[in-house]
């Protein structure tokens, strides 16, 4: 018995096959590209500037493909549940996608539960962090932890949303242990 492969499945397979080389994130120790992007927290728009956020502590910058998709919703819920733990260590969480800010306003309320900000990135910003899925015009699922001096402490790319929160929490904790509050 033969199974027909649907055209949409072929497109998905092609996207995954071409995405493999793009999973190469910026290396640990590299300087994170500074950026300013339209963002929203709890449905309230503002301008997010990485350099400003780094003045208060490390930043967890996570790229995700698209708001309201299954994996991105799971990831947003996980980051929302962990926001207090990040904040206790002085870290700021920001999610980034190429979705329009109007869509992210809704996503920030319903899926991020108004716990952390999400930003709307252009493709140049996504590319500068090597988080592109070029065939789809979206960002890959890549999480970074950036130290206050702008150095990348962790770069983790995996299409599966599970693991991103645990890995970023561990990196922030490691940084905090080495830089205790005085």
N, C-alpha and C. Protein backbone atom coordinates (compact mmCIF):
# COMPACT_ATOMS: atom_id res chain seq x y z
N UNK A 1 0.84 -1.18 0.00
CA UNK A 1 0.00 0.00 0.00
C UNK A 1 0.89 1.24 0.00
N UNK A 2 0.60 2.15 -0.90
CA UNK A 2 1.38 3.38 -1.02
C UNK A 2 0.60 4.54 -0.45
N UNK A 3 1.31 5.46 0.17
CA UNK A 3 0.69 6.66 0.71
C UNK A 3 1.11 7.84 -0.15
N UNK A 4 0.14 8.62 -0.53
CA UNK A 4 0.43 9.84 -1.31
C UNK A 4 0.89 10.93 -0.35
N UNK A 5 1.91 11.64 -0.75
CA UNK A 5 2.36 12.79 0.03
C UNK A 5 1.66 14.01 -0.51
N UNK A 6 1.02 14.72 0.40
CA UNK A 6 0.29 15.92 0.01
C UNK A 6 1.27 17.04 -0.33
N UNK A 7 0.89 17.92 -1.27
CA UNK A 7 1.77 19.04 -1.63
C UNK A 7 2.15 19.91 -0.43
N UNK A 8 1.21 20.11 0.50
CA UNK A 8 1.54 20.94 1.67
C UNK A 8 2.59 20.26 2.54
N UNK A 9 2.56 18.93 2.59
CA UNK A 9 3.59 18.22 3.36
C UNK A 9 4.95 18.33 2.69
N UNK A 10 4.95 18.31 1.36
CA UNK A 10 6.21 18.49 0.63
C UNK A 10 6.81 19.86 0.92
N UNK A 11 5.95 20.88 0.96
CA UNK A 11 6.44 22.23 1.27
C UNK A 11 7.01 22.29 2.68
N UNK A 12 6.33 21.65 3.61
CA UNK A 12 6.82 21.64 4.99
C UNK A 12 8.16 20.92 5.08
N UNK A 13 8.29 19.79 4.40
CA UNK A 13 9.56 19.07 4.39
C UNK A 13 10.67 19.89 3.76
N UNK A 14 10.35 20.58 2.68
CA UNK A 14 11.34 21.43 2.03
C UNK A 14 11.77 22.56 2.96
N UNK A 15 10.81 23.13 3.67
CA UNK A 15 11.14 24.21 4.60
C UNK A 15 12.06 23.71 5.70
N UNK A 16 11.75 22.54 6.24
CA UNK A 16 12.61 21.99 7.29
C UNK A 16 13.99 21.64 6.77
N UNK A 17 14.05 21.10 5.58
CA UNK A 17 15.34 20.73 5.00
C UNK A 17 16.21 21.96 4.76
N UNK A 18 15.61 23.04 4.31
CA UNK A 18 16.40 24.25 4.06
C UNK A 18 16.65 25.02 5.34
N UNK A 19 15.88 24.73 6.39
CA UNK A 19 16.06 25.44 7.65
C UNK A 19 17.28 24.95 8.41
N UNK A 20 17.70 23.73 8.19
CA UNK A 20 18.80 23.17 8.97
C UNK A 20 20.03 24.06 9.01
N UNK A 21 20.51 24.62 7.87
CA UNK A 21 21.68 25.48 7.95
C UNK A 21 21.41 26.78 8.70
N UNK A 22 20.15 27.21 8.77
CA UNK A 22 19.85 28.47 9.43
C UNK A 22 19.77 28.31 10.95
N UNK A 23 19.86 27.07 11.45
CA UNK A 23 19.80 26.86 12.88
C UNK A 23 21.11 27.27 13.56
N UNK A 24 22.08 27.71 12.81
CA UNK A 24 23.35 28.17 13.36
C UNK A 24 23.15 29.57 13.93
N UNK A 25 22.99 29.62 15.24
CA UNK A 25 22.76 30.89 15.92
C UNK A 25 24.09 31.63 16.10
N UNK A 26 24.00 32.86 16.59
CA UNK A 26 25.21 33.60 16.94
C UNK A 26 25.96 32.84 18.02
N UNK A 27 27.28 32.85 17.99
CA UNK A 27 28.05 32.07 18.97
C UNK A 27 28.07 32.72 20.35
N UNK A 28 28.22 31.87 21.35
CA UNK A 28 28.40 32.35 22.72
C UNK A 28 29.64 33.23 22.74
N UNK A 29 29.54 34.36 23.43
CA UNK A 29 30.65 35.30 23.53
C UNK A 29 30.57 36.43 22.51
N UNK A 30 29.81 36.23 21.44
CA UNK A 30 29.65 37.29 20.43
C UNK A 30 28.87 38.45 21.02
N UNK A 31 29.04 39.61 20.43
CA UNK A 31 28.29 40.80 20.84
C UNK A 31 26.91 40.74 20.20
N UNK A 32 25.87 40.86 21.00
CA UNK A 32 24.50 40.85 20.49
C UNK A 32 24.23 42.14 19.74
N UNK A 33 23.66 42.06 18.55
CA UNK A 33 23.31 43.28 17.81
C UNK A 33 22.27 44.11 18.58
N UNK A 34 22.55 45.38 18.75
CA UNK A 34 21.58 46.26 19.41
C UNK A 34 20.43 46.53 18.44
N UNK A 35 19.24 46.75 18.99
CA UNK A 35 18.09 47.04 18.14
C UNK A 35 17.02 47.77 18.94
N UNK A 36 16.16 48.43 18.20
CA UNK A 36 14.94 49.02 18.73
C UNK A 36 13.82 48.48 17.86
N UNK A 37 12.72 48.05 18.50
CA UNK A 37 11.61 47.48 17.75
C UNK A 37 10.29 47.81 18.43
N UNK A 38 9.21 47.91 17.65
CA UNK A 38 7.90 48.09 18.26
C UNK A 38 7.55 46.86 19.09
N UNK A 39 7.05 47.09 20.30
CA UNK A 39 6.75 45.98 21.20
C UNK A 39 5.43 46.24 21.91
N UNK A 40 4.99 45.25 22.64
CA UNK A 40 3.76 45.37 23.40
C UNK A 40 3.85 44.52 24.66
N UNK A 41 3.26 44.99 25.72
CA UNK A 41 3.18 44.26 26.97
C UNK A 41 1.76 44.41 27.48
N UNK A 42 1.06 43.32 27.58
CA UNK A 42 -0.33 43.38 28.03
C UNK A 42 -1.21 44.20 27.11
N UNK A 43 -0.87 44.23 25.83
CA UNK A 43 -1.65 44.98 24.86
C UNK A 43 -1.32 46.46 24.80
N UNK A 44 -0.30 46.88 25.54
CA UNK A 44 0.10 48.29 25.56
C UNK A 44 1.39 48.45 24.75
N UNK A 45 1.31 49.10 23.58
CA UNK A 45 2.49 49.25 22.72
C UNK A 45 3.55 50.18 23.33
N UNK A 46 4.79 49.88 23.03
CA UNK A 46 5.92 50.72 23.42
C UNK A 46 7.08 50.39 22.50
N UNK A 47 8.16 51.11 22.63
CA UNK A 47 9.36 50.86 21.83
C UNK A 47 10.38 50.14 22.72
N UNK A 48 10.80 48.95 22.30
CA UNK A 48 11.79 48.18 23.05
C UNK A 48 13.17 48.47 22.49
N UNK A 49 14.10 48.82 23.36
CA UNK A 49 15.49 49.05 22.96
C UNK A 49 16.36 48.11 23.78
N UNK A 50 17.07 47.23 23.12
CA UNK A 50 17.89 46.23 23.82
C UNK A 50 18.87 46.88 24.78
N UNK A 51 19.58 47.91 24.36
CA UNK A 51 20.58 48.55 25.22
C UNK A 51 19.96 49.06 26.51
N UNK A 52 18.75 49.60 26.43
CA UNK A 52 18.06 50.07 27.64
C UNK A 52 17.74 48.91 28.58
N UNK A 53 17.24 47.81 28.02
CA UNK A 53 16.90 46.64 28.83
C UNK A 53 18.13 46.05 29.50
N UNK A 54 19.27 46.06 28.82
CA UNK A 54 20.49 45.49 29.37
C UNK A 54 21.03 46.30 30.55
N UNK A 55 20.61 47.54 30.69
CA UNK A 55 21.06 48.36 31.82
C UNK A 55 20.53 47.82 33.15
N UNK A 56 19.44 47.04 33.10
CA UNK A 56 18.85 46.52 34.34
C UNK A 56 19.23 45.07 34.62
N UNK A 57 19.91 44.41 33.68
CA UNK A 57 20.31 43.02 33.89
C UNK A 57 20.30 42.26 32.58
N UNK A 58 20.48 40.94 32.66
CA UNK A 58 20.49 40.14 31.43
C UNK A 58 19.14 40.15 30.74
N UNK A 59 19.17 39.88 29.45
CA UNK A 59 17.94 39.83 28.64
C UNK A 59 17.83 38.44 28.02
N UNK A 60 16.65 37.85 28.18
CA UNK A 60 16.31 36.61 27.50
C UNK A 60 15.54 37.03 26.25
N UNK A 61 16.16 36.84 25.12
CA UNK A 61 15.60 37.24 23.83
C UNK A 61 15.26 35.97 23.08
N UNK A 62 13.96 35.72 22.90
CA UNK A 62 13.62 34.48 22.20
C UNK A 62 12.82 34.79 20.94
N UNK A 63 13.27 34.20 19.85
CA UNK A 63 12.61 34.33 18.55
C UNK A 63 11.68 33.14 18.38
N UNK A 64 10.50 33.42 17.82
CA UNK A 64 9.53 32.35 17.56
C UNK A 64 8.89 32.60 16.20
N UNK A 65 8.44 31.54 15.51
CA UNK A 65 7.95 31.70 14.13
C UNK A 65 6.69 32.54 13.96
N UNK A 66 5.64 32.29 14.74
CA UNK A 66 4.38 33.00 14.50
C UNK A 66 3.46 32.93 15.71
N UNK A 67 2.91 34.06 16.09
CA UNK A 67 1.95 34.12 17.19
C UNK A 67 0.73 33.27 16.88
N UNK A 68 0.18 32.69 17.92
CA UNK A 68 -1.05 31.89 17.87
C UNK A 68 -0.90 30.55 17.17
N UNK A 69 0.32 30.12 16.86
CA UNK A 69 0.51 28.76 16.37
C UNK A 69 0.73 27.86 17.59
N UNK A 70 0.54 26.57 17.41
CA UNK A 70 0.59 25.66 18.55
C UNK A 70 1.91 25.75 19.33
N UNK A 71 3.03 25.59 18.65
CA UNK A 71 4.32 25.60 19.34
C UNK A 71 4.63 26.93 19.99
N UNK A 72 4.28 28.01 19.31
CA UNK A 72 4.57 29.35 19.85
C UNK A 72 3.69 29.67 21.05
N UNK A 73 2.48 29.13 21.05
CA UNK A 73 1.59 29.32 22.19
C UNK A 73 2.11 28.54 23.39
N UNK A 74 2.55 27.31 23.18
CA UNK A 74 3.14 26.50 24.25
C UNK A 74 4.35 27.23 24.84
N UNK A 75 5.20 27.75 23.97
CA UNK A 75 6.41 28.45 24.42
C UNK A 75 6.06 29.72 25.19
N UNK A 76 5.09 30.49 24.70
CA UNK A 76 4.68 31.72 25.39
C UNK A 76 4.13 31.40 26.78
N UNK A 77 3.32 30.36 26.89
CA UNK A 77 2.79 29.97 28.20
C UNK A 77 3.93 29.60 29.15
N UNK A 78 4.92 28.85 28.65
CA UNK A 78 6.05 28.44 29.49
C UNK A 78 6.86 29.65 29.96
N UNK A 79 7.12 30.60 29.07
CA UNK A 79 7.84 31.81 29.48
C UNK A 79 7.01 32.63 30.45
N UNK A 80 5.69 32.70 30.24
CA UNK A 80 4.82 33.45 31.16
C UNK A 80 4.88 32.85 32.56
N UNK A 81 4.84 31.52 32.64
CA UNK A 81 4.90 30.85 33.94
C UNK A 81 6.24 31.06 34.63
N UNK A 82 7.30 31.27 33.87
CA UNK A 82 8.64 31.42 34.44
C UNK A 82 9.08 32.87 34.62
N UNK A 83 8.26 33.82 34.21
CA UNK A 83 8.67 35.23 34.24
C UNK A 83 9.11 35.68 35.63
N UNK A 84 8.41 35.27 36.68
CA UNK A 84 8.79 35.69 38.03
C UNK A 84 10.17 35.16 38.41
N UNK A 85 10.50 33.94 37.97
CA UNK A 85 11.84 33.38 38.27
C UNK A 85 12.92 34.16 37.54
N UNK A 86 12.65 34.54 36.28
CA UNK A 86 13.61 35.37 35.56
C UNK A 86 13.78 36.72 36.26
N UNK A 87 12.66 37.35 36.62
CA UNK A 87 12.70 38.67 37.26
C UNK A 87 13.44 38.62 38.59
N UNK A 88 13.29 37.53 39.35
CA UNK A 88 13.97 37.40 40.63
C UNK A 88 15.49 37.40 40.47
N UNK A 89 15.95 37.02 39.28
CA UNK A 89 17.40 37.03 39.00
C UNK A 89 17.81 38.28 38.21
N UNK A 90 16.87 39.24 38.06
CA UNK A 90 17.17 40.49 37.39
C UNK A 90 17.09 40.46 35.88
N UNK A 91 16.52 39.40 35.31
CA UNK A 91 16.46 39.25 33.85
C UNK A 91 15.14 39.73 33.28
N UNK A 92 15.21 40.27 32.08
CA UNK A 92 14.05 40.69 31.30
C UNK A 92 13.83 39.67 30.19
N UNK A 93 12.56 39.30 29.96
CA UNK A 93 12.21 38.38 28.87
C UNK A 93 11.51 39.17 27.78
N UNK A 94 11.90 38.93 26.53
CA UNK A 94 11.23 39.53 25.37
C UNK A 94 11.16 38.49 24.26
N UNK A 95 9.96 38.27 23.76
CA UNK A 95 9.75 37.39 22.61
C UNK A 95 9.75 38.22 21.34
N UNK A 96 10.23 37.66 20.24
CA UNK A 96 10.34 38.40 18.98
C UNK A 96 9.85 37.53 17.83
N UNK A 97 9.00 38.12 16.98
CA UNK A 97 8.58 37.46 15.74
C UNK A 97 8.39 38.52 14.67
N UNK A 98 8.11 38.09 13.46
CA UNK A 98 7.86 39.04 12.37
C UNK A 98 6.37 39.39 12.26
N UNK A 99 5.58 38.97 13.22
CA UNK A 99 4.15 39.30 13.20
C UNK A 99 3.94 40.80 13.36
N UNK A 100 2.85 41.32 12.81
CA UNK A 100 2.54 42.75 13.00
C UNK A 100 2.17 43.04 14.45
N UNK A 101 2.44 44.24 14.88
CA UNK A 101 2.22 44.63 16.27
C UNK A 101 0.76 44.47 16.69
N UNK A 102 -0.18 44.67 15.76
CA UNK A 102 -1.60 44.51 16.10
C UNK A 102 -1.89 43.07 16.54
N UNK A 103 -1.31 42.12 15.85
CA UNK A 103 -1.48 40.70 16.21
C UNK A 103 -0.79 40.42 17.55
N UNK A 104 0.39 41.01 17.73
CA UNK A 104 1.14 40.80 18.97
C UNK A 104 0.45 41.42 20.18
N UNK A 105 -0.30 42.50 19.98
CA UNK A 105 -1.08 43.07 21.08
C UNK A 105 -2.00 42.02 21.67
N UNK A 106 -2.71 41.29 20.81
CA UNK A 106 -3.62 40.24 21.27
C UNK A 106 -2.85 39.07 21.88
N UNK A 107 -1.76 38.69 21.22
CA UNK A 107 -0.94 37.57 21.70
C UNK A 107 -0.35 37.87 23.08
N UNK A 108 0.06 39.11 23.30
CA UNK A 108 0.69 39.47 24.57
C UNK A 108 -0.29 39.34 25.74
N UNK A 109 -1.56 39.56 25.46
CA UNK A 109 -2.58 39.43 26.50
C UNK A 109 -2.97 37.97 26.69
N UNK A 110 -3.38 37.33 25.60
CA UNK A 110 -3.97 36.00 25.73
C UNK A 110 -2.95 34.89 25.96
N UNK A 111 -1.81 34.93 25.31
CA UNK A 111 -0.86 33.82 25.40
C UNK A 111 0.35 34.12 26.28
N UNK A 112 0.81 35.37 26.27
CA UNK A 112 1.92 35.76 27.16
C UNK A 112 1.38 36.16 28.52
N UNK A 113 0.06 36.24 28.62
CA UNK A 113 -0.65 36.52 29.87
C UNK A 113 -0.20 37.81 30.53
N UNK A 114 0.19 38.78 29.69
CA UNK A 114 0.63 40.10 30.14
C UNK A 114 1.82 40.04 31.09
N UNK A 115 2.61 38.98 31.01
CA UNK A 115 3.75 38.79 31.91
C UNK A 115 5.07 39.30 31.34
N UNK A 116 5.21 39.29 30.00
CA UNK A 116 6.45 39.74 29.38
C UNK A 116 6.11 40.35 28.02
N UNK A 117 7.03 41.13 27.50
CA UNK A 117 6.80 41.84 26.24
C UNK A 117 7.11 40.96 25.04
N UNK A 118 6.47 41.29 23.93
CA UNK A 118 6.79 40.69 22.63
C UNK A 118 7.00 41.83 21.65
N UNK A 119 7.93 41.62 20.72
CA UNK A 119 8.29 42.67 19.76
C UNK A 119 8.09 42.19 18.34
N UNK A 120 7.80 43.14 17.47
CA UNK A 120 7.64 42.89 16.04
C UNK A 120 8.95 43.24 15.35
N UNK A 121 9.56 42.24 14.74
CA UNK A 121 10.87 42.43 14.11
C UNK A 121 10.74 42.45 12.60
N UNK A 122 11.63 43.20 11.97
CA UNK A 122 11.73 43.08 10.51
C UNK A 122 12.72 41.96 10.21
N UNK A 123 12.79 41.58 8.96
CA UNK A 123 13.66 40.46 8.58
C UNK A 123 15.13 40.76 8.81
N UNK A 124 15.50 42.04 8.73
CA UNK A 124 16.90 42.42 8.96
C UNK A 124 17.30 42.10 10.41
N UNK A 125 16.42 42.41 11.36
CA UNK A 125 16.71 42.11 12.76
C UNK A 125 16.82 40.60 12.97
N UNK A 126 15.87 39.85 12.42
CA UNK A 126 15.89 38.40 12.56
C UNK A 126 17.18 37.83 11.96
N UNK A 127 17.57 38.32 10.80
CA UNK A 127 18.80 37.86 10.15
C UNK A 127 20.04 38.22 10.96
N UNK A 128 20.03 39.39 11.59
CA UNK A 128 21.21 39.81 12.36
C UNK A 128 21.47 38.87 13.54
N UNK A 129 20.43 38.17 13.99
CA UNK A 129 20.56 37.19 15.07
C UNK A 129 20.65 35.76 14.53
N UNK A 130 20.77 35.63 13.21
CA UNK A 130 20.84 34.31 12.56
C UNK A 130 19.69 33.42 13.00
N UNK A 131 18.50 34.00 12.99
CA UNK A 131 17.31 33.28 13.44
C UNK A 131 16.26 33.22 12.33
N UNK A 132 16.71 33.14 11.08
CA UNK A 132 15.78 33.19 9.94
C UNK A 132 15.39 31.81 9.44
N UNK A 133 14.15 31.71 9.01
CA UNK A 133 13.68 30.61 8.18
C UNK A 133 13.34 31.26 6.84
N UNK A 134 14.34 31.48 5.98
CA UNK A 134 14.16 32.30 4.78
C UNK A 134 13.04 31.84 3.85
N UNK A 135 12.88 30.55 3.67
CA UNK A 135 11.86 30.05 2.77
C UNK A 135 10.46 30.44 3.24
N UNK A 136 10.29 30.52 4.55
CA UNK A 136 8.99 30.85 5.11
C UNK A 136 8.84 32.34 5.44
N UNK A 137 9.94 33.09 5.41
CA UNK A 137 9.86 34.50 5.76
C UNK A 137 9.55 34.71 7.23
N UNK A 138 9.93 33.79 8.05
CA UNK A 138 9.65 33.82 9.49
C UNK A 138 10.95 33.68 10.26
N UNK A 139 10.84 33.79 11.57
CA UNK A 139 12.00 33.53 12.41
C UNK A 139 11.97 32.09 12.89
N UNK A 140 13.14 31.58 13.15
CA UNK A 140 13.30 30.26 13.71
C UNK A 140 13.02 30.34 15.21
N UNK A 141 12.90 29.21 15.86
CA UNK A 141 12.75 29.20 17.32
C UNK A 141 14.16 29.17 17.92
N UNK A 142 14.66 30.34 18.26
CA UNK A 142 16.01 30.49 18.81
C UNK A 142 15.94 31.38 20.04
N UNK A 143 16.56 30.92 21.11
CA UNK A 143 16.59 31.68 22.36
C UNK A 143 18.02 32.10 22.68
N UNK A 144 18.14 33.33 23.12
CA UNK A 144 19.43 33.87 23.55
C UNK A 144 19.32 34.38 24.98
N UNK A 145 20.40 34.27 25.71
CA UNK A 145 20.56 35.00 26.96
C UNK A 145 21.72 35.94 26.72
N UNK A 146 21.47 37.23 26.96
CA UNK A 146 22.46 38.27 26.69
C UNK A 146 22.83 38.94 28.01
N UNK A 147 24.12 39.00 28.30
CA UNK A 147 24.63 39.62 29.52
C UNK A 147 24.49 41.13 29.42
N UNK A 148 24.49 41.83 30.56
CA UNK A 148 24.39 43.29 30.53
C UNK A 148 25.46 43.98 29.68
N UNK A 149 26.61 43.34 29.49
CA UNK A 149 27.65 43.94 28.64
C UNK A 149 27.41 43.66 27.16
N UNK A 150 26.32 42.96 26.83
CA UNK A 150 25.97 42.68 25.43
C UNK A 150 26.50 41.37 24.90
N UNK A 151 27.27 40.64 25.71
CA UNK A 151 27.81 39.35 25.27
C UNK A 151 26.74 38.26 25.34
N UNK A 152 26.73 37.41 24.34
CA UNK A 152 25.78 36.30 24.32
C UNK A 152 26.29 35.20 25.25
N UNK A 153 25.44 34.86 26.23
CA UNK A 153 25.77 33.82 27.20
C UNK A 153 25.24 32.45 26.78
N UNK A 154 24.13 32.45 26.04
CA UNK A 154 23.51 31.21 25.58
C UNK A 154 22.85 31.47 24.24
N UNK A 155 23.00 30.52 23.35
CA UNK A 155 22.28 30.51 22.08
C UNK A 155 21.74 29.10 21.91
N UNK A 156 20.41 28.99 21.83
CA UNK A 156 19.78 27.67 21.73
C UNK A 156 18.73 27.70 20.63
N UNK A 157 18.90 26.86 19.63
CA UNK A 157 17.94 26.76 18.53
C UNK A 157 17.37 25.36 18.48
N UNK A 158 16.05 25.28 18.53
CA UNK A 158 15.34 24.01 18.40
C UNK A 158 13.91 24.34 18.01
N UNK A 159 13.40 23.66 17.01
CA UNK A 159 12.02 23.91 16.59
C UNK A 159 11.02 23.48 17.66
N UNK A 160 11.38 22.52 18.48
CA UNK A 160 10.52 22.09 19.57
C UNK A 160 10.53 23.17 20.66
N UNK A 161 9.36 23.66 21.08
CA UNK A 161 9.34 24.73 22.08
C UNK A 161 9.77 24.29 23.47
N UNK A 162 9.71 23.00 23.75
CA UNK A 162 10.11 22.50 25.06
C UNK A 162 11.62 22.62 25.21
N UNK A 163 12.05 23.06 26.36
CA UNK A 163 13.48 23.17 26.63
C UNK A 163 14.01 24.59 26.60
N UNK A 164 13.35 25.48 25.88
CA UNK A 164 13.85 26.85 25.78
C UNK A 164 13.85 27.55 27.14
N UNK A 165 12.77 27.40 27.89
CA UNK A 165 12.69 28.07 29.19
C UNK A 165 13.72 27.50 30.15
N UNK A 166 13.81 26.17 30.23
CA UNK A 166 14.77 25.56 31.15
C UNK A 166 16.20 25.96 30.83
N UNK A 167 16.55 25.96 29.57
CA UNK A 167 17.92 26.30 29.18
C UNK A 167 18.23 27.78 29.46
N UNK A 168 17.28 28.67 29.18
CA UNK A 168 17.52 30.09 29.44
C UNK A 168 17.55 30.38 30.94
N UNK A 169 16.67 29.72 31.71
CA UNK A 169 16.71 29.89 33.16
C UNK A 169 18.06 29.46 33.73
N UNK A 170 18.56 28.32 33.26
CA UNK A 170 19.85 27.82 33.74
C UNK A 170 20.98 28.80 33.40
N UNK A 171 20.95 29.37 32.22
CA UNK A 171 21.99 30.33 31.81
C UNK A 171 21.92 31.61 32.64
N UNK A 172 20.71 32.09 32.90
CA UNK A 172 20.56 33.29 33.73
C UNK A 172 21.03 33.00 35.15
N UNK A 173 20.65 31.83 35.69
CA UNK A 173 21.08 31.46 37.04
C UNK A 173 22.61 31.38 37.12
N UNK A 174 23.23 30.79 36.13
CA UNK A 174 24.69 30.69 36.11
C UNK A 174 25.32 32.08 36.10
N UNK A 175 24.76 32.98 35.29
CA UNK A 175 25.27 34.35 35.25
C UNK A 175 25.07 35.02 36.61
N UNK A 176 23.87 34.88 37.18
CA UNK A 176 23.56 35.53 38.47
C UNK A 176 24.48 34.99 39.56
N UNK A 177 24.73 33.68 39.57
CA UNK A 177 25.63 33.10 40.58
C UNK A 177 27.03 33.70 40.49
N UNK A 178 27.47 34.01 39.27
CA UNK A 178 28.79 34.62 39.07
C UNK A 178 28.79 36.13 39.31
N UNK A 179 27.59 36.72 39.34
CA UNK A 179 27.44 38.17 39.52
C UNK A 179 26.38 38.45 40.58
N UNK A 180 26.65 38.11 41.83
CA UNK A 180 25.63 38.30 42.87
C UNK A 180 25.30 39.78 43.08
N UNK A 181 24.06 40.00 43.48
CA UNK A 181 23.61 41.37 43.79
C UNK A 181 24.30 41.80 45.06
N UNK A 182 24.86 43.01 45.05
CA UNK A 182 25.59 43.52 46.23
C UNK A 182 24.79 44.56 46.95
